[in-house]
């Protein structure tokens, strides 16, 4: 459906059947001005726009099937809208989220189960040797708890909307820690070694993991992060790679791409959101600790060992000095335990900062010229 929208005049889409999601495409600046109204809820598209594609688009999953959808624009725009319907599927209590030991494969819901009642994916798969686990967010709702229906609608958006042969990700992780197997292996290889469609049209050597939700302004919860780390623990142990290692990749923005990477390492995109991206150093630390406990011999030194930094006093009342011994370090960020950036700035050989926050734990992230981070825990007391 094609629409010409005028400023602040709502366009109502009335259809003869229920739909469960909408995909809107158009020019980037146009999409920024658009809101979707469903019942009394108004949703902005700004944080849901996929900018790096040839035709930018945004995708919204409804919490309940709808026949009446309003599109509102702040400016005159031309858009195309596609509607999808995924019948609801109840898998509650059929699959447990059992915690696995160390580096075992975590429990997942097979695609053949969550895809029930939908058109099967198109045959044809490519196997790939994975060296890079790429983390995404779906830029969707953080409150929709019908995770099965969300995944089913993403499948329709990828297959019917984008015209792909299957869902783009290898795995999807819900907010409650449920893990969904993504792209169907179709007997070609193990599902974790099937080439997906998620990393800037250069997917060879990668495995895509998407976290349901939008993490531009808020961080994933503990259940979701633990599930993500369980996938990474298993996969990196299976492939015998270090979470701090890097390998050449044809579409990374630098010369090399990390074994744990994020979508925006390869494209001009905000995915997986700033709040999740800031947690990557901690995720690498946690995965490396688990891999060592599993007995994987790791010889790669951590960033902390290669780039010594002095931070003092710590604990402090908020006045902290950062002394660096490596000229590659260029900037710092002070981040809350929820992933919120509290302050940032450039680094000199000796930099003094004042953290005007309440007592508690914070993180100091130091970035070098390659975009790699060091993470340091700091404690504010006696405020």
Protein backbone atom coordinates (compact mmCIF):
# COMPACT_ATOMS: atom_id res chain seq x y z
CA UNK A 1 0.00 0.00 0.00
CA UNK A 2 1.32 3.42 -0.97
CA UNK A 3 0.39 6.57 0.97
CA UNK A 4 0.86 10.30 0.52
CA UNK A 5 0.72 11.83 4.00
CA UNK A 6 0.12 15.50 4.80
CA UNK A 7 1.36 17.18 8.00
CA UNK A 8 -0.48 16.20 11.19
CA UNK A 9 -3.39 14.62 9.30
CA UNK A 10 -3.77 10.96 10.25
CA UNK A 11 -4.14 8.32 7.55
CA UNK A 12 -6.33 5.44 8.73
CA UNK A 13 -5.73 1.98 7.31
CA UNK A 14 -8.95 -0.02 7.46
CA UNK A 15 -8.65 -3.64 6.37
CA UNK A 16 -11.02 -6.58 6.18
CA UNK A 17 -8.95 -8.87 8.40
CA UNK A 18 -6.72 -8.72 11.45
CA UNK A 19 -3.03 -7.95 11.08
CA UNK A 20 -0.25 -8.38 13.63
CA UNK A 21 2.56 -6.16 12.32
CA UNK A 22 3.38 -3.38 9.87
CA UNK A 23 6.48 -2.64 7.80
CA UNK A 24 6.88 0.96 6.57
CA UNK A 25 9.50 2.06 4.05
CA UNK A 26 10.47 5.41 2.60
CA UNK A 27 13.17 8.06 2.76
CA UNK A 28 15.15 8.29 6.03
CA UNK A 29 14.15 11.87 6.86
CA UNK A 30 10.52 11.08 6.08
CA UNK A 31 10.42 8.07 8.38
CA UNK A 32 11.75 10.14 11.28
CA UNK A 33 8.60 12.24 11.21
CA UNK A 34 6.14 9.33 11.29
CA UNK A 35 4.17 7.86 14.21
CA UNK A 36 1.89 4.82 14.33
CA UNK A 37 -1.30 5.01 16.41
CA UNK A 38 -2.90 1.75 17.51
CA UNK A 39 -5.90 2.24 19.79
CA UNK A 40 -4.69 4.98 22.17
CA UNK A 41 -0.98 4.09 21.89
CA UNK A 42 1.25 6.23 19.67
CA UNK A 43 4.61 4.79 18.60
CA UNK A 44 7.41 6.82 17.03
CA UNK A 45 9.43 5.15 14.27
CA UNK A 46 12.68 7.02 15.01
CA UNK A 47 14.32 4.26 17.10
CA UNK A 48 13.05 1.50 14.82
CA UNK A 49 14.42 2.69 11.48
CA UNK A 50 16.89 0.45 9.69
CA UNK A 51 19.01 3.11 7.94
CA UNK A 52 21.72 1.02 6.29
CA UNK A 53 19.42 -0.72 3.81
CA UNK A 54 18.94 0.52 0.27
CA UNK A 55 15.42 1.65 1.17
CA UNK A 56 15.21 2.48 4.90
CA UNK A 57 12.29 0.97 6.75
CA UNK A 58 10.72 0.46 10.17
CA UNK A 59 8.87 -2.50 11.63
CA UNK A 60 6.26 -2.58 14.41
CA UNK A 61 4.65 -5.68 15.95
CA UNK A 62 1.22 -5.16 17.52
CA UNK A 63 0.53 -6.66 20.94
CA UNK A 64 -2.89 -7.79 19.66
CA UNK A 65 -4.25 -8.26 16.10
CA UNK A 66 -5.64 -5.02 14.61
CA UNK A 67 -7.86 -3.91 11.74
CA UNK A 68 -7.67 -0.16 12.40
CA UNK A 69 -4.22 1.46 12.17
CA UNK A 70 -3.47 5.18 11.96
CA UNK A 71 -0.30 6.68 10.48
CA UNK A 72 0.55 10.27 11.45
CA UNK A 73 3.29 12.41 9.92
CA UNK A 74 4.72 15.78 10.94
CA UNK A 75 5.58 16.58 7.33
CA UNK A 76 4.44 15.75 3.81
CA UNK A 77 5.83 12.33 2.95
CA UNK A 78 5.48 9.37 0.61
CA UNK A 79 5.59 5.92 2.23
CA UNK A 80 4.87 2.29 1.45
CA UNK A 81 3.25 0.08 4.10
CA UNK A 82 3.08 -3.71 4.25
CA UNK A 83 0.84 -5.54 6.71
CA UNK A 84 1.47 -9.05 8.02
CA UNK A 85 -0.59 -11.58 9.91
CA UNK A 86 0.97 -14.30 12.05
CA UNK A 87 -1.67 -16.37 13.88
CA UNK A 88 -0.91 -16.52 17.58
CA UNK A 89 0.89 -19.66 18.78
CA UNK A 90 0.96 -20.65 22.45
CA UNK A 91 4.14 -22.50 23.45
CA UNK A 92 3.93 -21.62 27.14
CA UNK A 93 5.46 -24.26 29.44
CA UNK A 94 6.36 -26.50 26.49
CA UNK A 95 10.01 -25.49 26.55
CA UNK A 96 12.07 -24.90 29.66
CA UNK A 97 14.84 -22.34 29.97
CA UNK A 98 17.13 -24.78 31.75
CA UNK A 99 20.44 -23.29 32.73
CA UNK A 100 23.25 -25.29 31.19
CA UNK A 101 26.66 -25.98 32.66
CA UNK A 102 29.42 -23.74 31.42
CA UNK A 103 29.91 -24.31 27.70
CA UNK A 104 27.08 -26.69 26.80
CA UNK A 105 24.62 -25.69 24.10
CA UNK A 106 21.66 -23.85 25.69
CA UNK A 107 18.07 -25.00 25.19
CA UNK A 108 16.42 -23.37 22.16
CA UNK A 109 12.96 -23.47 20.60
CA UNK A 110 13.41 -25.02 17.13
CA UNK A 111 12.30 -22.96 14.14
CA UNK A 112 10.04 -25.80 13.02
CA UNK A 113 8.10 -25.36 16.29
CA UNK A 114 7.71 -21.56 16.52
CA UNK A 115 7.10 -21.35 12.75
CA UNK A 116 4.05 -23.66 12.91
CA UNK A 117 1.22 -22.49 10.62
CA UNK A 118 3.44 -20.13 8.60
CA UNK A 119 4.83 -20.68 5.11
CA UNK A 120 8.05 -22.72 5.22
CA UNK A 121 11.30 -21.00 4.23
CA UNK A 122 12.64 -21.29 0.70
CA UNK A 123 15.14 -24.13 0.15
CA UNK A 124 18.80 -23.27 -0.35
CA UNK A 125 21.39 -22.73 2.35
CA UNK A 126 25.10 -21.98 2.58
CA UNK A 127 27.30 -23.40 5.30
CA UNK A 128 29.98 -21.14 6.79
CA UNK A 129 32.84 -21.45 9.26
CA UNK A 130 31.97 -18.97 11.99
CA UNK A 131 34.66 -16.69 13.44
CA UNK A 132 32.40 -13.77 14.41
CA UNK A 133 29.30 -13.73 16.60
CA UNK A 134 27.42 -10.54 15.71
CA UNK A 135 25.00 -9.08 18.26
CA UNK A 136 21.86 -7.20 17.22
CA UNK A 137 18.70 -5.80 18.71
CA UNK A 138 15.39 -6.02 16.89
CA UNK A 139 14.56 -2.37 17.77
CA UNK A 140 11.08 -3.51 18.78
CA UNK A 141 8.96 -3.27 21.91
CA UNK A 142 10.48 -3.73 25.36
CA UNK A 143 7.06 -4.47 26.87
CA UNK A 144 5.46 -7.00 24.49
CA UNK A 145 5.75 -10.31 26.38
CA UNK A 146 4.30 -12.52 23.66
CA UNK A 147 7.76 -13.41 22.46
CA UNK A 148 6.70 -16.27 20.18
CA UNK A 149 4.39 -13.97 18.22
CA UNK A 150 7.13 -11.31 17.98
CA UNK A 151 9.53 -13.83 16.45
CA UNK A 152 6.83 -15.10 14.07
CA UNK A 153 6.18 -11.56 12.84
CA UNK A 154 9.90 -10.89 12.37
CA UNK A 155 9.99 -14.03 10.23
CA UNK A 156 7.18 -12.67 8.05
CA UNK A 157 8.87 -9.27 7.75
CA UNK A 158 12.09 -10.92 6.59
CA UNK A 159 10.49 -13.41 4.20
CA UNK A 160 7.40 -11.61 2.85
CA UNK A 161 8.59 -8.03 3.42
CA UNK A 162 12.28 -8.26 2.49
CA UNK A 163 11.85 -11.20 0.15
CA UNK A 164 14.50 -13.28 1.94
CA UNK A 165 14.41 -17.07 1.96
CA UNK A 166 14.20 -17.24 5.77
CA UNK A 167 14.59 -15.20 8.95
CA UNK A 168 17.93 -13.39 8.89
CA UNK A 169 19.27 -14.27 12.37
CA UNK A 170 20.71 -17.55 13.57
CA UNK A 171 19.31 -17.06 17.08
CA UNK A 172 16.89 -14.68 18.80
CA UNK A 173 16.84 -14.05 22.56
CA UNK A 174 13.68 -12.93 24.37
CA UNK A 175 13.58 -10.72 27.45
CA UNK A 176 12.79 -13.70 29.72
CA UNK A 177 15.85 -15.61 28.50
CA UNK A 178 14.04 -17.85 26.00
CA UNK A 179 16.26 -18.61 23.00
CA UNK A 180 14.75 -19.21 19.56
CA UNK A 181 16.67 -21.01 16.83
CA UNK A 182 16.52 -18.81 13.75
CA UNK A 183 17.49 -19.66 10.18
CA UNK A 184 16.54 -23.23 9.28
CA UNK A 185 19.61 -25.37 8.55
CA UNK A 186 17.65 -27.65 6.16
CA UNK A 187 20.18 -30.42 6.78
CA UNK A 188 23.07 -28.52 5.17
CA UNK A 189 25.10 -28.02 8.38
CA UNK A 190 24.61 -27.37 12.09
CA UNK A 191 22.22 -24.45 12.58
CA UNK A 192 25.00 -22.30 14.09
CA UNK A 193 27.06 -22.72 10.92
CA UNK A 194 24.37 -21.62 8.47
CA UNK A 195 25.04 -18.30 6.76
CA UNK A 196 22.38 -15.76 7.72
CA UNK A 197 21.25 -12.36 6.45
CA UNK A 198 22.06 -9.84 9.16
CA UNK A 199 25.49 -8.22 8.70
CA UNK A 200 25.68 -5.63 5.95
CA UNK A 201 25.28 -8.12 3.07
CA UNK A 202 28.62 -9.72 4.04
CA UNK A 203 27.47 -12.61 6.21
CA UNK A 204 30.11 -15.24 5.51
CA UNK A 205 31.95 -16.25 8.66
CA UNK A 206 29.33 -14.74 10.98
CA UNK A 207 26.55 -15.96 13.26
CA UNK A 208 23.80 -13.46 14.04
CA UNK A 209 22.22 -13.22 17.51
CA UNK A 210 19.33 -10.77 17.90
CA UNK A 211 17.98 -9.62 21.27
CA UNK A 212 14.28 -8.80 21.19
CA UNK A 213 13.71 -5.17 22.18
CA UNK A 214 15.18 -1.72 21.71
CA UNK A 215 18.40 -0.91 23.56
CA UNK A 216 19.16 2.62 22.43
CA UNK A 217 18.19 4.07 25.82
CA UNK A 218 17.84 1.06 28.12
CA UNK A 219 19.88 -2.09 28.73
CA UNK A 220 18.80 -5.73 28.41
CA UNK A 221 17.78 -7.35 31.69
CA UNK A 222 19.86 -10.00 33.46
CA UNK A 223 17.89 -12.97 32.07
CA UNK A 224 18.39 -11.80 28.50
CA UNK A 225 22.10 -11.10 29.01
CA UNK A 226 22.70 -14.47 30.67
CA UNK A 227 20.98 -16.22 27.75
CA UNK A 228 23.09 -14.24 25.27
CA UNK A 229 26.26 -15.19 27.12
CA UNK A 230 25.23 -18.86 27.19
CA UNK A 231 25.08 -18.86 23.37
CA UNK A 232 28.45 -17.13 23.15
CA UNK A 233 30.03 -19.48 25.71
CA UNK A 234 28.92 -22.53 23.76
CA UNK A 235 29.75 -21.23 20.28
CA UNK A 236 33.18 -19.81 21.08
CA UNK A 237 34.09 -22.96 23.00
CA UNK A 238 32.95 -25.09 20.08
CA UNK A 239 35.05 -23.05 17.63
CA UNK A 240 38.01 -22.63 20.06
CA UNK A 241 38.21 -18.87 19.63
CA UNK A 242 39.02 -16.18 22.17
CA UNK A 243 36.38 -13.48 22.81
CA UNK A 244 39.17 -10.89 22.52
CA UNK A 245 40.49 -12.21 19.23
CA UNK A 246 40.00 -10.48 15.86
CA UNK A 247 40.00 -11.77 12.32
CA UNK A 248 39.89 -10.12 8.92
CA UNK A 249 36.38 -9.63 7.54
CA UNK A 250 35.52 -8.02 4.19
CA UNK A 251 32.86 -5.67 5.55
CA UNK A 252 34.05 -4.59 8.97
CA UNK A 253 34.65 -0.85 9.33
CA UNK A 254 38.19 -1.59 10.54
CA UNK A 255 40.76 -4.01 9.12
CA UNK A 256 39.65 -6.74 11.54
CA UNK A 257 36.41 -7.77 13.21
CA UNK A 258 36.11 -9.14 16.74
CA UNK A 259 34.93 -12.66 17.50
CA UNK A 260 32.21 -10.95 19.55
CA UNK A 261 31.05 -8.02 17.44
CA UNK A 262 28.02 -5.81 16.96
CA UNK A 263 26.03 -4.83 13.89
CA UNK A 264 27.44 -1.31 13.73
CA UNK A 265 30.98 -2.72 13.48
CA UNK A 266 30.17 -3.17 9.82
CA UNK A 267 27.45 -0.67 8.86
CA UNK A 268 26.22 2.85 9.46
CA UNK A 269 23.49 1.70 11.85
CA UNK A 270 22.59 2.26 15.49
CA UNK A 271 22.09 -1.50 16.05
CA UNK A 272 22.32 -2.98 18.68
CA UNK A 273 21.68 0.31 20.50
CA UNK A 274 24.15 2.31 22.59
CA UNK A 275 23.11 0.78 25.92
CA UNK A 276 23.79 -2.76 24.71
CA UNK A 277 26.96 -1.77 22.83
CA UNK A 278 28.41 -0.39 26.06
CA UNK A 279 28.04 -3.81 27.69
CA UNK A 280 30.15 -5.63 25.09
CA UNK A 281 33.44 -5.29 27.06
CA UNK A 282 31.78 -6.82 30.12
CA UNK A 283 30.21 -9.58 28.00
CA UNK A 284 33.63 -10.42 26.55
CA UNK A 285 35.08 -10.55 30.07
CA UNK A 286 32.33 -12.87 31.30
CA UNK A 287 32.60 -15.19 28.31
CA UNK A 288 36.38 -15.41 28.62
CA UNK A 289 36.09 -16.33 32.29
CA UNK A 290 33.63 -19.11 31.41
CA UNK A 291 35.79 -20.43 28.57
CA UNK A 292 38.77 -20.67 30.89
CA UNK A 293 36.63 -22.56 33.42
CA UNK A 294 35.63 -24.95 30.60
CA UNK A 295 39.30 -25.67 29.98
CA UNK A 296 39.74 -23.83 26.71
CA UNK A 297 43.41 -22.79 26.43
CA UNK A 298 43.38 -19.05 25.75
CA UNK A 299 46.64 -17.29 24.97
CA UNK A 300 45.33 -13.89 23.88
CA UNK A 301 46.05 -11.18 26.44
CA UNK A 302 43.20 -8.95 27.50
CA UNK A 303 43.13 -5.27 26.61
CA UNK A 304 43.84 -4.39 30.25
CA UNK A 305 47.16 -6.23 30.07
CA UNK A 306 48.17 -4.54 26.82
CA UNK A 307 47.12 -1.00 27.71
CA UNK A 308 47.84 -0.23 31.37
CA UNK A 309 45.84 2.53 33.01
CA UNK A 310 45.95 4.04 36.49
CA UNK A 311 42.72 5.29 38.05
CA UNK A 312 42.93 6.90 41.46
CA UNK A 313 41.63 7.27 44.05
CA UNK A 314 39.19 4.40 43.79
CA UNK A 315 36.91 4.37 45.79
CA UNK A 316 36.50 8.13 45.78
CA UNK A 317 34.05 10.91 46.56
CA UNK A 318 33.74 11.59 42.83
CA UNK A 319 37.05 13.27 41.90
CA UNK A 320 39.12 10.79 39.87
CA UNK A 321 42.40 11.01 37.97
CA UNK A 322 43.02 8.84 34.91
CA UNK A 323 46.66 8.34 33.94
CA UNK A 324 47.33 6.44 30.70
CA UNK A 325 50.55 4.95 29.39
CA UNK A 326 49.40 4.41 25.84
CA UNK A 327 48.82 7.25 23.38
CA UNK A 328 46.19 5.22 21.53
CA UNK A 329 43.64 5.85 24.28
CA UNK A 330 41.52 8.77 23.14
CA UNK A 331 38.29 9.15 25.13
CA UNK A 332 36.33 8.11 28.21
CA UNK A 333 32.73 7.51 29.21
CA UNK A 334 31.25 7.22 32.68
CA UNK A 335 28.35 4.76 32.58
CA UNK A 336 25.78 3.69 35.15
CA UNK A 337 25.12 0.02 35.91
CA UNK A 338 22.00 0.39 33.73
CA UNK A 339 24.09 1.38 30.70
CA UNK A 340 23.27 5.12 30.79
CA UNK A 341 26.11 7.41 29.68
CA UNK A 342 26.55 9.99 32.45
CA UNK A 343 29.46 11.93 30.99
CA UNK A 344 32.18 11.63 28.37
CA UNK A 345 35.27 13.45 27.17
CA UNK A 346 38.72 13.28 25.61
CA UNK A 347 41.74 11.78 27.37
CA UNK A 348 45.16 13.28 27.93
CA UNK A 349 48.12 11.55 29.53
CA UNK A 350 46.66 12.74 32.83
CA UNK A 351 42.96 13.57 33.03
CA UNK A 352 40.99 14.54 36.13
CA UNK A 353 37.20 14.21 36.13
CA UNK A 354 34.43 14.88 38.62
CA UNK A 355 31.56 12.41 38.79
CA UNK A 356 28.66 14.27 40.36
CA UNK A 357 26.48 11.24 41.11
CA UNK A 358 25.12 9.50 44.20
CA UNK A 359 27.06 6.79 46.05
CA UNK A 360 27.30 3.51 44.17
CA UNK A 361 29.06 1.50 41.48
CA UNK A 362 29.80 3.01 38.05
CA UNK A 363 31.84 1.97 35.03
CA UNK A 364 34.60 3.95 33.36
CA UNK A 365 34.95 2.97 29.69
CA UNK A 366 38.16 3.99 27.95
CA UNK A 367 38.20 3.86 24.15
CA UNK A 368 41.25 3.62 21.91
CA UNK A 369 41.61 4.69 18.28
CA UNK A 370 40.51 1.27 16.99
CA UNK A 371 37.21 1.52 18.87
CA UNK A 372 38.14 -1.09 21.49
CA UNK A 373 37.14 -0.43 25.09
CA UNK A 374 38.66 -1.03 28.50
CA UNK A 375 36.15 -1.22 31.31
CA UNK A 376 36.98 -0.26 34.91
CA UNK A 377 34.64 -0.50 37.87
CA UNK A 378 34.68 2.60 40.09
CA UNK A 379 33.01 3.16 43.45
CA UNK A 380 31.63 6.50 44.65
CA UNK A 381 31.28 6.84 48.43
CA UNK A 382 30.87 9.53 51.09
CA UNK A 383 28.82 11.84 48.89
